[in-house]
Amino acid sequence: MAAEGFVSAALEAMGWVVAARNLRTPYAEIDILAQDACGHWVVVEVKARQADSWLQGEDCLGPNQLQRISRAMEWLANRQRKVQAVRLDLALVQLSGQQPQSWQLFKEILLYQ
């Protein structure tokens, strides 16, 4: 997906290390798994929207999706020795046609320790 590549490149430009994209777990697919500039593990959910979309920010994540992602984060932390705590950030990408134009990062939607 173009939006995920766009966000991955932007995160790397900020000093983050992208460890995986489209990581499948038994509960949900993780769009991006990365370490931020401080070394914290972050699951980044990417949502792409047209500029006139009425859904903004955290409204893009419904309760069912949040529950699936939370379970995926727990699964990841329990199976990866290097991942002991992980947070969920939301990357909201604004599209022009099919092309990403800008993005905004909402941090700490969820935290699993």
PDB file of N, CA and C in Angstrom:
ATOM      1  N   MET A   1       0.838  -1.175   0.000  1.00  0.00           N
ATOM      2  CA  MET A   1       0.000   0.000   0.000  1.00  0.00           C
ATOM      3  C   MET A   1       0.889   1.246   0.000  1.00  0.00           C
ATOM      4  N   ALA A   2       0.568   2.215  -0.811  1.00  0.00           N
ATOM      5  CA  ALA A   2       1.369   3.429  -0.941  1.00  0.00           C
ATOM      6  C   ALA A   2       1.449   4.200   0.368  1.00  0.00           C
ATOM      7  N   ALA A   3       0.364   4.242   1.123  1.00  0.00           N
ATOM      8  CA  ALA A   3       0.353   4.993   2.382  1.00  0.00           C
ATOM      9  C   ALA A   3       1.326   4.388   3.390  1.00  0.00           C
ATOM     10  N   GLU A   4       1.415   3.066   3.467  1.00  0.00           N
ATOM     11  CA  GLU A   4       2.335   2.426   4.405  1.00  0.00           C
ATOM     12  C   GLU A   4       3.785   2.700   4.027  1.00  0.00           C
ATOM     13  N   GLY A   5       4.093   2.674   2.739  1.00  0.00           N
ATOM     14  CA  GLY A   5       5.438   3.008   2.295  1.00  0.00           C
ATOM     15  C   GLY A   5       5.776   4.458   2.595  1.00  0.00           C
ATOM     16  N   PHE A   6       4.815   5.333   2.394  1.00  0.00           N
ATOM     17  CA  PHE A   6       4.971   6.758   2.676  1.00  0.00           C
ATOM     18  C   PHE A   6       5.277   6.976   4.159  1.00  0.00           C
ATOM     19  N   VAL A   7       4.506   6.331   5.028  1.00  0.00           N
ATOM     20  CA  VAL A   7       4.705   6.467   6.477  1.00  0.00           C
ATOM     21  C   VAL A   7       6.026   5.831   6.895  1.00  0.00           C
ATOM     22  N   SER A   8       6.354   4.667   6.363  1.00  0.00           N
ATOM     23  CA  SER A   8       7.628   4.019   6.700  1.00  0.00           C
ATOM     24  C   SER A   8       8.806   4.929   6.389  1.00  0.00           C
ATOM     25  N   ALA A   9       8.792   5.523   5.212  1.00  0.00           N
ATOM     26  CA  ALA A   9       9.878   6.427   4.821  1.00  0.00           C
ATOM     27  C   ALA A   9       9.936   7.648   5.742  1.00  0.00           C
ATOM     28  N   ALA A  10       8.777   8.181   6.104  1.00  0.00           N
ATOM     29  CA  ALA A  10       8.740   9.345   6.994  1.00  0.00           C
ATOM     30  C   ALA A  10       9.261   8.983   8.381  1.00  0.00           C
ATOM     31  N   LEU A  11       8.887   7.813   8.892  1.00  0.00           N
ATOM     32  CA  LEU A  11       9.371   7.380  10.202  1.00  0.00           C
ATOM     33  C   LEU A  11      10.890   7.199  10.181  1.00  0.00           C
ATOM     34  N   GLU A  12      11.397   6.570   9.133  1.00  0.00           N
ATOM     35  CA  GLU A  12      12.839   6.374   9.023  1.00  0.00           C
ATOM     36  C   GLU A  12      13.569   7.717   8.947  1.00  0.00           C
ATOM     37  N   ALA A  13      12.985   8.702   8.280  1.00  0.00           N
ATOM     38  CA  ALA A  13      13.580  10.041   8.213  1.00  0.00           C
ATOM     39  C   ALA A  13      13.614  10.701   9.596  1.00  0.00           C
ATOM     40  N   MET A  14      12.730  10.272  10.494  1.00  0.00           N
ATOM     41  CA  MET A  14      12.699  10.794  11.868  1.00  0.00           C
ATOM     42  C   MET A  14      13.635  10.016  12.795  1.00  0.00           C
ATOM     43  N   GLY A  15      14.351   9.037  12.241  1.00  0.00           N
ATOM     44  CA  GLY A  15      15.278   8.259  13.050  1.00  0.00           C
ATOM     45  C   GLY A  15      14.727   6.952  13.586  1.00  0.00           C
ATOM     46  N   TRP A  16      13.535   6.584  13.158  1.00  0.00           N
ATOM     47  CA  TRP A  16      12.951   5.316  13.568  1.00  0.00           C
ATOM     48  C   TRP A  16      13.541   4.184  12.725  1.00  0.00           C
ATOM     49  N   VAL A  17      13.479   2.966  13.256  1.00  0.00           N
ATOM     50  CA  VAL A  17      13.910   1.778  12.525  1.00  0.00           C
ATOM     51  C   VAL A  17      12.666   0.917  12.283  1.00  0.00           C
ATOM     52  N   VAL A  18      12.319   0.728  11.027  1.00  0.00           N
ATOM     53  CA  VAL A  18      11.169  -0.108  10.670  1.00  0.00           C
ATOM     54  C   VAL A  18      11.633  -1.563  10.660  1.00  0.00           C
ATOM     55  N   ALA A  19      11.063  -2.367  11.555  1.00  0.00           N
ATOM     56  CA  ALA A  19      11.442  -3.777  11.684  1.00  0.00           C
ATOM     57  C   ALA A  19      10.609  -4.678  10.784  1.00  0.00           C
ATOM     58  N   ALA A  20       9.342  -4.312  10.552  1.00  0.00           N
ATOM     59  CA  ALA A  20       8.462  -5.151   9.730  1.00  0.00           C
ATOM     60  C   ALA A  20       7.294  -4.326   9.219  1.00  0.00           C
ATOM     61  N   ARG A  21       6.804  -4.747   8.060  1.00  0.00           N
ATOM     62  CA  ARG A  21       5.565  -4.190   7.505  1.00  0.00           C
ATOM     63  C   ARG A  21       4.637  -5.342   7.193  1.00  0.00           C
ATOM     64  N   ASN A  22       3.346  -5.104   7.393  1.00  0.00           N
ATOM     65  CA  ASN A  22       2.313  -6.113   7.119  1.00  0.00           C
ATOM     66  C   ASN A  22       2.608  -7.424   7.848  1.00  0.00           C
ATOM     67  N   LEU A  23       2.902  -7.314   9.118  1.00  0.00           N
ATOM     68  CA  LEU A  23       3.224  -8.459   9.959  1.00  0.00           C
ATOM     69  C   LEU A  23       1.932  -9.146  10.392  1.00  0.00           C
ATOM     70  N   ARG A  24       1.783 -10.384  10.010  1.00  0.00           N
ATOM     71  CA  ARG A  24       0.567 -11.129  10.346  1.00  0.00           C
ATOM     72  C   ARG A  24       0.707 -11.793  11.710  1.00  0.00           C
ATOM     73  N   THR A  25      -0.322 -11.620  12.523  1.00  0.00           N
ATOM     74  CA  THR A  25      -0.426 -12.306  13.806  1.00  0.00           C
ATOM     75  C   THR A  25      -1.742 -13.081  13.773  1.00  0.00           C
ATOM     76  N   PRO A  26      -1.983 -13.928  14.756  1.00  0.00           N
ATOM     77  CA  PRO A  26      -3.271 -14.635  14.781  1.00  0.00           C
ATOM     78  C   PRO A  26      -4.470 -13.710  14.985  1.00  0.00           C
ATOM     79  N   TYR A  27      -4.238 -12.476  15.421  1.00  0.00           N
ATOM     80  CA  TYR A  27      -5.339 -11.582  15.783  1.00  0.00           C
ATOM     81  C   TYR A  27      -5.557 -10.431  14.812  1.00  0.00           C
ATOM     82  N   ALA A  28      -4.486  -9.906  14.259  1.00  0.00           N
ATOM     83  CA  ALA A  28      -4.590  -8.764  13.356  1.00  0.00           C
ATOM     84  C   ALA A  28      -3.290  -8.628  12.583  1.00  0.00           C
ATOM     85  N   GLU A  29      -3.380  -7.960  11.462  1.00  0.00           N
ATOM     86  CA  GLU A  29      -2.167  -7.625  10.728  1.00  0.00           C
ATOM     87  C   GLU A  29      -1.637  -6.296  11.257  1.00  0.00           C
ATOM     88  N   ILE A  30      -0.361  -6.281  11.566  1.00  0.00           N
ATOM     89  CA  ILE A  30       0.294  -5.065  12.029  1.00  0.00           C
ATOM     90  C   ILE A  30       0.862  -4.367  10.807  1.00  0.00           C
ATOM     91  N   ASP A  31       0.401  -3.139  10.560  1.00  0.00           N
ATOM     92  CA  ASP A  31       0.845  -2.406   9.374  1.00  0.00           C
ATOM     93  C   ASP A  31       2.345  -2.151   9.421  1.00  0.00           C
ATOM     94  N   ILE A  32       2.814  -1.583  10.522  1.00  0.00           N
ATOM     95  CA  ILE A  32       4.236  -1.289  10.683  1.00  0.00           C
ATOM     96  C   ILE A  32       4.639  -1.596  12.122  1.00  0.00           C
ATOM     97  N   LEU A  33       5.746  -2.316  12.276  1.00  0.00           N
ATOM     98  CA  LEU A  33       6.366  -2.507  13.585  1.00  0.00           C
ATOM     99  C   LEU A  33       7.712  -1.800  13.513  1.00  0.00           C
ATOM    100  N   ALA A  34       7.932  -0.878  14.443  1.00  0.00           N
ATOM    101  CA  ALA A  34       9.154  -0.079  14.391  1.00  0.00           C
ATOM    102  C   ALA A  34       9.655   0.228  15.792  1.00  0.00           C
ATOM    103  N   GLN A  35      10.898   0.679  15.841  1.00  0.00           N
ATOM    104  CA  GLN A  35      11.454   1.244  17.063  1.00  0.00           C
ATOM    105  C   GLN A  35      11.591   2.734  16.834  1.00  0.00           C
ATOM    106  N   ASP A  36      11.067   3.518  17.778  1.00  0.00           N
ATOM    107  CA  ASP A  36      11.166   4.966  17.625  1.00  0.00           C
ATOM    108  C   ASP A  36      12.600   5.419  17.931  1.00  0.00           C
ATOM    109  N   ALA A  37      12.845   6.702  17.846  1.00  0.00           N
ATOM    110  CA  ALA A  37      14.190   7.242  18.027  1.00  0.00           C
ATOM    111  C   ALA A  37      14.734   6.989  19.441  1.00  0.00           C
ATOM    112  N   CYS A  38      13.852   6.716  20.401  1.00  0.00           N
ATOM    113  CA  CYS A  38      14.270   6.410  21.773  1.00  0.00           C
ATOM    114  C   CYS A  38      14.430   4.914  22.017  1.00  0.00           C
ATOM    115  N   GLY A  39      14.151   4.101  20.996  1.00  0.00           N
ATOM    116  CA  GLY A  39      14.286   2.649  21.120  1.00  0.00           C
ATOM    117  C   GLY A  39      13.036   1.940  21.599  1.00  0.00           C
ATOM    118  N   HIS A  40      11.915   2.650  21.732  1.00  0.00           N
ATOM    119  CA  HIS A  40      10.657   2.022  22.151  1.00  0.00           C
ATOM    120  C   HIS A  40      10.008   1.318  20.956  1.00  0.00           C
ATOM    121  N   TRP A  41       9.410   0.165  21.217  1.00  0.00           N
ATOM    122  CA  TRP A  41       8.711  -0.569  20.169  1.00  0.00           C
ATOM    123  C   TRP A  41       7.333   0.046  19.948  1.00  0.00           C
ATOM    124  N   VAL A  42       6.989   0.205  18.676  1.00  0.00           N
ATOM    125  CA  VAL A  42       5.734   0.858  18.314  1.00  0.00           C
ATOM    126  C   VAL A  42       5.054   0.083  17.192  1.00  0.00           C
ATOM    127  N   VAL A  43       3.778  -0.213  17.381  1.00  0.00           N
ATOM    128  CA  VAL A  43       2.925  -0.714  16.312  1.00  0.00           C
ATOM    129  C   VAL A  43       2.260   0.521  15.721  1.00  0.00           C
ATOM    130  N   VAL A  44       2.410   0.706  14.413  1.00  0.00           N
ATOM    131  CA  VAL A  44       1.824   1.862  13.751  1.00  0.00           C
ATOM    132  C   VAL A  44       0.705   1.373  12.837  1.00  0.00           C
ATOM    133  N   GLU A  45      -0.500   1.791  13.145  1.00  0.00           N
ATOM    134  CA  GLU A  45      -1.661   1.501  12.294  1.00  0.00           C
ATOM    135  C   GLU A  45      -1.783   2.652  11.307  1.00  0.00           C
ATOM    136  N   VAL A  46      -1.829   2.328  10.028  1.00  0.00           N
ATOM    137  CA  VAL A  46      -1.885   3.335   8.981  1.00  0.00           C
ATOM    138  C   VAL A  46      -3.302   3.393   8.418  1.00  0.00           C
ATOM    139  N   LYS A  47      -3.859   4.585   8.386  1.00  0.00           N
ATOM    140  CA  LYS A  47      -5.172   4.818   7.794  1.00  0.00           C
ATOM    141  C   LYS A  47      -5.037   5.910   6.749  1.00  0.00           C
ATOM    142  N   ALA A  48      -5.461   5.620   5.537  1.00  0.00           N
ATOM    143  CA  ALA A  48      -5.399   6.590   4.443  1.00  0.00           C
ATOM    144  C   ALA A  48      -6.799   7.099   4.156  1.00  0.00           C
ATOM    145  N   ARG A  49      -6.932   8.401   4.024  1.00  0.00           N
ATOM    146  CA  ARG A  49      -8.233   9.036   3.804  1.00  0.00           C
ATOM    147  C   ARG A  49      -8.105  10.163   2.799  1.00  0.00           C
ATOM    148  N   GLN A  50      -9.169  10.404   2.070  1.00  0.00           N
ATOM    149  CA  GLN A  50      -9.237  11.580   1.212  1.00  0.00           C
ATOM    150  C   GLN A  50      -9.395  12.812   2.106  1.00  0.00           C
ATOM    151  N   ALA A  51      -9.025  13.957   1.585  1.00  0.00           N
ATOM    152  CA  ALA A  51      -9.055  15.190   2.372  1.00  0.00           C
ATOM    153  C   ALA A  51     -10.442  15.500   2.927  1.00  0.00           C
ATOM    154  N   ASP A  52     -11.484  15.099   2.225  1.00  0.00           N
ATOM    155  CA  ASP A  52     -12.844  15.419   2.664  1.00  0.00           C
ATOM    156  C   ASP A  52     -13.482  14.342   3.538  1.00  0.00           C
ATOM    157  N   SER A  53     -12.699  13.373   3.987  1.00  0.00           N
ATOM    158  CA  SER A  53     -13.223  12.313   4.839  1.00  0.00           C
ATOM    159  C   SER A  53     -13.669  12.895   6.179  1.00  0.00           C
ATOM    160  N   TRP A  54     -14.801  12.441   6.678  1.00  0.00           N
ATOM    161  CA  TRP A  54     -15.314  12.949   7.933  1.00  0.00           C
ATOM    162  C   TRP A  54     -14.667  12.276   9.141  1.00  0.00           C
ATOM    163  N   LEU A  55     -13.994  11.149   8.941  1.00  0.00           N
ATOM    164  CA  LEU A  55     -13.320  10.486  10.056  1.00  0.00           C
ATOM    165  C   LEU A  55     -11.937  11.081  10.248  1.00  0.00           C
ATOM    166  N   GLN A  56     -11.650  11.495  11.442  1.00  0.00           N
ATOM    167  CA  GLN A  56     -10.359  12.079  11.748  1.00  0.00           C
ATOM    168  C   GLN A  56      -9.767  11.424  12.985  1.00  0.00           C
ATOM    169  N   GLY A  57      -8.462  11.327  13.022  1.00  0.00           N
ATOM    170  CA  GLY A  57      -7.744  10.869  14.202  1.00  0.00           C
ATOM    171  C   GLY A  57      -8.194   9.516  14.702  1.00  0.00           C
ATOM    172  N   GLU A  58      -8.342   9.419  16.003  1.00  0.00           N
ATOM    173  CA  GLU A  58      -8.674   8.152  16.643  1.00  0.00           C
ATOM    174  C   GLU A  58     -10.038   7.614  16.229  1.00  0.00           C
ATOM    175  N   ASP A  59     -10.891   8.451  15.647  1.00  0.00           N
ATOM    176  CA  ASP A  59     -12.197   7.981  15.170  1.00  0.00           C
ATOM    177  C   ASP A  59     -12.049   6.907  14.105  1.00  0.00           C
ATOM    178  N   CYS A  60     -10.886   6.825  13.488  1.00  0.00           N
ATOM    179  CA  CYS A  60     -10.648   5.838  12.431  1.00  0.00           C
ATOM    180  C   CYS A  60     -10.522   4.422  12.985  1.00  0.00           C
ATOM    181  N   LEU A  61     -10.316   4.301  14.283  1.00  0.00           N
ATOM    182  CA  LEU A  61     -10.152   2.986  14.904  1.00  0.00           C
ATOM    183  C   LEU A  61     -11.375   2.668  15.747  1.00  0.00           C
ATOM    184  N   GLY A  62     -12.135   1.680  15.317  1.00  0.00           N
ATOM    185  CA  GLY A  62     -13.306   1.264  16.065  1.00  0.00           C
ATOM    186  C   GLY A  62     -12.928   0.342  17.208  1.00  0.00           C
ATOM    187  N   PRO A  63     -13.862   0.085  18.121  1.00  0.00           N
ATOM    188  CA  PRO A  63     -13.564  -0.754  19.288  1.00  0.00           C
ATOM    189  C   PRO A  63     -13.141  -2.167  18.919  1.00  0.00           C
ATOM    190  N   ASN A  64     -13.761  -2.753  17.888  1.00  0.00           N
ATOM    191  CA  ASN A  64     -13.373  -4.109  17.491  1.00  0.00           C
ATOM    192  C   ASN A  64     -11.948  -4.147  16.957  1.00  0.00           C
ATOM    193  N   GLN A  65     -11.597  -3.157  16.130  1.00  0.00           N
ATOM    194  CA  GLN A  65     -10.245  -3.118  15.598  1.00  0.00           C
ATOM    195  C   GLN A  65      -9.226  -2.868  16.713  1.00  0.00           C
ATOM    196  N   LEU A  66      -9.548  -1.984  17.641  1.00  0.00           N
ATOM    197  CA  LEU A  66      -8.649  -1.740  18.767  1.00  0.00           C
ATOM    198  C   LEU A  66      -8.430  -3.004  19.588  1.00  0.00           C
ATOM    199  N   GLN A  67      -9.480  -3.775  19.769  1.00  0.00           N
ATOM    200  CA  GLN A  67      -9.357  -5.020  20.524  1.00  0.00           C
ATOM    201  C   GLN A  67      -8.465  -6.017  19.788  1.00  0.00           C
ATOM    202  N   ARG A  68      -8.633  -6.141  18.470  1.00  0.00           N
ATOM    203  CA  ARG A  68      -7.787  -7.051  17.686  1.00  0.00           C
ATOM    204  C   ARG A  68      -6.324  -6.612  17.723  1.00  0.00           C
ATOM    205  N   ILE A  69      -6.095  -5.336  17.595  1.00  0.00           N
ATOM    206  CA  ILE A  69      -4.720  -4.829  17.617  1.00  0.00           C
ATOM    207  C   ILE A  69      -4.109  -5.017  19.003  1.00  0.00           C
ATOM    208  N   SER A  70      -4.894  -4.795  20.051  1.00  0.00           N
ATOM    209  CA  SER A  70      -4.414  -5.007  21.415  1.00  0.00           C
ATOM    210  C   SER A  70      -3.987  -6.458  21.620  1.00  0.00           C
ATOM    211  N   ARG A  71      -4.780  -7.383  21.126  1.00  0.00           N
ATOM    212  CA  ARG A  71      -4.424  -8.802  21.235  1.00  0.00           C
ATOM    213  C   ARG A  71      -3.166  -9.112  20.427  1.00  0.00           C
ATOM    214  N   ALA A  72      -3.036  -8.505  19.265  1.00  0.00           N
ATOM    215  CA  ALA A  72      -1.837  -8.696  18.436  1.00  0.00           C
ATOM    216  C   ALA A  72      -0.602  -8.149  19.147  1.00  0.00           C
ATOM    217  N   MET A  73      -0.747  -7.006  19.821  1.00  0.00           N
ATOM    218  CA  MET A  73       0.375  -6.429  20.572  1.00  0.00           C
ATOM    219  C   MET A  73       0.778  -7.350  21.719  1.00  0.00           C
ATOM    220  N   GLU A  74      -0.193  -7.899  22.422  1.00  0.00           N
ATOM    221  CA  GLU A  74       0.095  -8.833  23.513  1.00  0.00           C
ATOM    222  C   GLU A  74       0.781 -10.081  22.966  1.00  0.00           C
ATOM    223  N   TRP A  75       0.275 -10.610  21.863  1.00  0.00           N
ATOM    224  CA  TRP A  75       0.872 -11.786  21.218  1.00  0.00           C
ATOM    225  C   TRP A  75       2.324 -11.501  20.850  1.00  0.00           C
ATOM    226  N   LEU A  76       2.570 -10.344  20.278  1.00  0.00           N
ATOM    227  CA  LEU A  76       3.915  -9.956  19.862  1.00  0.00           C
ATOM    228  C   LEU A  76       4.847  -9.857  21.067  1.00  0.00           C
ATOM    229  N   ALA A  77       4.406  -9.186  22.120  1.00  0.00           N
ATOM    230  CA  ALA A  77       5.237  -9.019  23.314  1.00  0.00           C
ATOM    231  C   ALA A  77       5.533 -10.353  23.991  1.00  0.00           C
ATOM    232  N   ASN A  78       4.605 -11.283  23.944  1.00  0.00           N
ATOM    233  CA  ASN A  78       4.808 -12.584  24.577  1.00  0.00           C
ATOM    234  C   ASN A  78       5.685 -13.521  23.760  1.00  0.00           C
ATOM    235  N   ARG A  79       5.885 -13.248  22.489  1.00  0.00           N
ATOM    236  CA  ARG A  79       6.651 -14.145  21.626  1.00  0.00           C
ATOM    237  C   ARG A  79       8.006 -13.602  21.190  1.00  0.00           C
ATOM    238  N   GLN A  80       8.221 -12.347  21.400  1.00  0.00           N
ATOM    239  CA  GLN A  80       9.484 -11.734  21.005  1.00  0.00           C
ATOM    240  C   GLN A  80      10.216 -11.257  22.262  1.00  0.00           C
ATOM    241  N   ARG A  81      11.346 -11.852  22.559  1.00  0.00           N
ATOM    242  CA  ARG A  81      12.083 -11.469  23.765  1.00  0.00           C
ATOM    243  C   ARG A  81      12.480 -10.001  23.762  1.00  0.00           C
ATOM    244  N   LYS A  82      12.798  -9.488  22.594  1.00  0.00           N
ATOM    245  CA  LYS A  82      13.263  -8.100  22.519  1.00  0.00           C
ATOM    246  C   LYS A  82      12.117  -7.087  22.664  1.00  0.00           C
ATOM    247  N   VAL A  83      10.870  -7.532  22.506  1.00  0.00           N
ATOM    248  CA  VAL A  83       9.712  -6.636  22.616  1.00  0.00           C
ATOM    249  C   VAL A  83       9.022  -6.916  23.947  1.00  0.00           C
ATOM    250  N   GLN A  84       9.262  -6.061  24.932  1.00  0.00           N
ATOM    251  CA  GLN A  84       8.634  -6.263  26.236  1.00  0.00           C
ATOM    252  C   GLN A  84       7.479  -5.309  26.460  1.00  0.00           C
ATOM    253  N   ALA A  85       7.592  -4.133  25.917  1.00  0.00           N
ATOM    254  CA  ALA A  85       6.503  -3.154  25.976  1.00  0.00           C
ATOM    255  C   ALA A  85       6.336  -2.605  24.570  1.00  0.00           C
ATOM    256  N   VAL A  86       5.104  -2.363  24.202  1.00  0.00           N
ATOM    257  CA  VAL A  86       4.832  -1.859  22.855  1.00  0.00           C
ATOM    258  C   VAL A  86       3.642  -0.906  22.927  1.00  0.00           C
ATOM    259  N   ARG A  87       3.719   0.147  22.144  1.00  0.00           N
ATOM    260  CA  ARG A  87       2.604   1.090  22.114  1.00  0.00           C
ATOM    261  C   ARG A  87       2.022   1.116  20.708  1.00  0.00           C
ATOM    262  N   LEU A  88       0.799   1.591  20.637  1.00  0.00           N
ATOM    263  CA  LEU A  88       0.116   1.745  19.357  1.00  0.00           C
ATOM    264  C   LEU A  88       0.041   3.222  19.013  1.00  0.00           C
ATOM    265  N   ASP A  89       0.552   3.562  17.833  1.00  0.00           N
ATOM    266  CA  ASP A  89       0.400   4.899  17.272  1.00  0.00           C
ATOM    267  C   ASP A  89      -0.456   4.778  16.020  1.00  0.00           C
ATOM    268  N   LEU A  90      -1.134   5.842  15.675  1.00  0.00           N
ATOM    269  CA  LEU A  90      -1.961   5.886  14.472  1.00  0.00           C
ATOM    270  C   LEU A  90      -1.370   6.900  13.509  1.00  0.00           C
ATOM    271  N   ALA A  91      -1.102   6.465  12.289  1.00  0.00           N
ATOM    272  CA  ALA A  91      -0.644   7.363  11.231  1.00  0.00           C
ATOM    273  C   ALA A  91      -1.818   7.600  10.296  1.00  0.00           C
ATOM    274  N   LEU A  92      -2.279   8.833  10.258  1.00  0.00           N
ATOM    275  CA  LEU A  92      -3.391   9.208   9.397  1.00  0.00           C
ATOM    276  C   LEU A  92      -2.812   9.915   8.171  1.00  0.00           C
ATOM    277  N   VAL A  93      -3.011   9.300   7.015  1.00  0.00           N
ATOM    278  CA  VAL A  93      -2.431   9.792   5.764  1.00  0.00           C
ATOM    279  C   VAL A  93      -3.526  10.444   4.935  1.00  0.00           C
ATOM    280  N   GLN A  94      -3.264  11.650   4.475  1.00  0.00           N
ATOM    281  CA  GLN A  94      -4.196  12.342   3.586  1.00  0.00           C
ATOM    282  C   GLN A  94      -3.792  12.053   2.147  1.00  0.00           C
ATOM    283  N   LEU A  95      -4.771  11.609   1.359  1.00  0.00           N
ATOM    284  CA  LEU A  95      -4.531  11.266  -0.040  1.00  0.00           C
ATOM    285  C   LEU A  95      -5.039  12.357  -0.966  1.00  0.00           C
ATOM    286  N   SER A  96      -4.384  12.449  -2.104  1.00  0.00           N
ATOM    287  CA  SER A  96      -4.875  13.233  -3.231  1.00  0.00           C
ATOM    288  C   SER A  96      -4.983  12.239  -4.377  1.00  0.00           C
ATOM    289  N   GLY A  97      -6.204  11.851  -4.693  1.00  0.00           N
ATOM    290  CA  GLY A  97      -6.383  10.719  -5.601  1.00  0.00           C
ATOM    291  C   GLY A  97      -5.944   9.476  -4.861  1.00  0.00           C
ATOM    292  N   GLN A  98      -4.958   8.775  -5.397  1.00  0.00           N
ATOM    293  CA  GLN A  98      -4.407   7.593  -4.727  1.00  0.00           C
ATOM    294  C   GLN A  98      -3.042   7.863  -4.101  1.00  0.00           C
ATOM    295  N   GLN A  99      -2.544   9.083  -4.224  1.00  0.00           N
ATOM    296  CA  GLN A  99      -1.197   9.412  -3.767  1.00  0.00           C
ATOM    297  C   GLN A  99      -1.195  10.074  -2.393  1.00  0.00           C
ATOM    298  N   PRO A 100      -0.334   9.581  -1.483  1.00  0.00           N
ATOM    299  CA  PRO A 100      -0.198  10.234  -0.178  1.00  0.00           C
ATOM    300  C   PRO A 100       0.373  11.640  -0.330  1.00  0.00           C
ATOM    301  N   GLN A 101      -0.223  12.586   0.390  1.00  0.00           N
ATOM    302  CA  GLN A 101       0.216  13.974   0.319  1.00  0.00           C
ATOM    303  C   GLN A 101       0.802  14.470   1.637  1.00  0.00           C
ATOM    304  N   SER A 102       0.188  14.071   2.729  1.00  0.00           N
ATOM    305  CA  SER A 102       0.660  14.502   4.043  1.00  0.00           C
ATOM    306  C   SER A 102       0.213  13.457   5.058  1.00  0.00           C
ATOM    307  N   TRP A 103       0.733  13.591   6.264  1.00  0.00           N
ATOM    308  CA  TRP A 103       0.353  12.633   7.302  1.00  0.00           C
ATOM    309  C   TRP A 103       0.463  13.278   8.670  1.00  0.00           C
ATOM    310  N   GLN A 104      -0.189  12.641   9.624  1.00  0.00           N
ATOM    311  CA  GLN A 104      -0.170  13.082  11.012  1.00  0.00           C
ATOM    312  C   GLN A 104      -0.051  11.848  11.883  1.00  0.00           C
ATOM    313  N   LEU A 105       0.755  11.924  12.923  1.00  0.00           N
ATOM    314  CA  LEU A 105       0.966  10.797  13.821  1.00  0.00           C
ATOM    315  C   LEU A 105       0.302  11.073  15.165  1.00  0.00           C
ATOM    316  N   PHE A 106      -0.613  10.186  15.557  1.00  0.00           N
ATOM    317  CA  PHE A 106      -1.264  10.250  16.864  1.00  0.00           C
ATOM    318  C   PHE A 106      -0.581   9.204  17.738  1.00  0.00           C
ATOM    319  N   LYS A 107       0.076   9.640  18.792  1.00  0.00           N
ATOM    320  CA  LYS A 107       0.882   8.740  19.615  1.00  0.00           C
ATOM    321  C   LYS A 107       0.113   8.207  20.815  1.00  0.00           C
ATOM    322  N   GLU A 108       0.525   7.009  21.235  1.00  0.00           N
ATOM    323  CA  GLU A 108       0.026   6.329  22.431  1.00  0.00           C
ATOM    324  C   GLU A 108      -1.473   6.148  22.472  1.00  0.00           C
ATOM    325  N   ILE A 109      -2.012   5.573  21.414  1.00  0.00           N
ATOM    326  CA  ILE A 109      -3.434   5.205  21.388  1.00  0.00           C
ATOM    327  C   ILE A 109      -3.660   4.094  22.424  1.00  0.00           C
ATOM    328  N   LEU A 110      -2.735   3.133  22.457  1.00  0.00           N
ATOM    329  CA  LEU A 110      -2.732   2.032  23.428  1.00  0.00           C
ATOM    330  C   LEU A 110      -1.305   1.784  23.880  1.00  0.00           C
ATOM    331  N   LEU A 111      -1.140   1.195  25.049  1.00  0.00           N
ATOM    332  CA  LEU A 111       0.169   0.808  25.540  1.00  0.00           C
ATOM    333  C   LEU A 111       0.058  -0.580  26.147  1.00  0.00           C
ATOM    334  N   TYR A 112       0.963  -1.485  25.736  1.00  0.00           N
ATOM    335  CA  TYR A 112       1.000  -2.823  26.327  1.00  0.00           C
ATOM    336  C   TYR A 112       2.348  -2.996  26.993  1.00  0.00           C
ATOM    337  N   GLN A 113       2.323  -3.348  28.299  1.00  0.00           N
ATOM    338  CA  GLN A 113       3.567  -3.602  29.053  1.00  0.00           C
ATOM    339  C   GLN A 113       3.511  -4.948  29.682  1.00  0.00           C
TER     340      GLN A 113
END
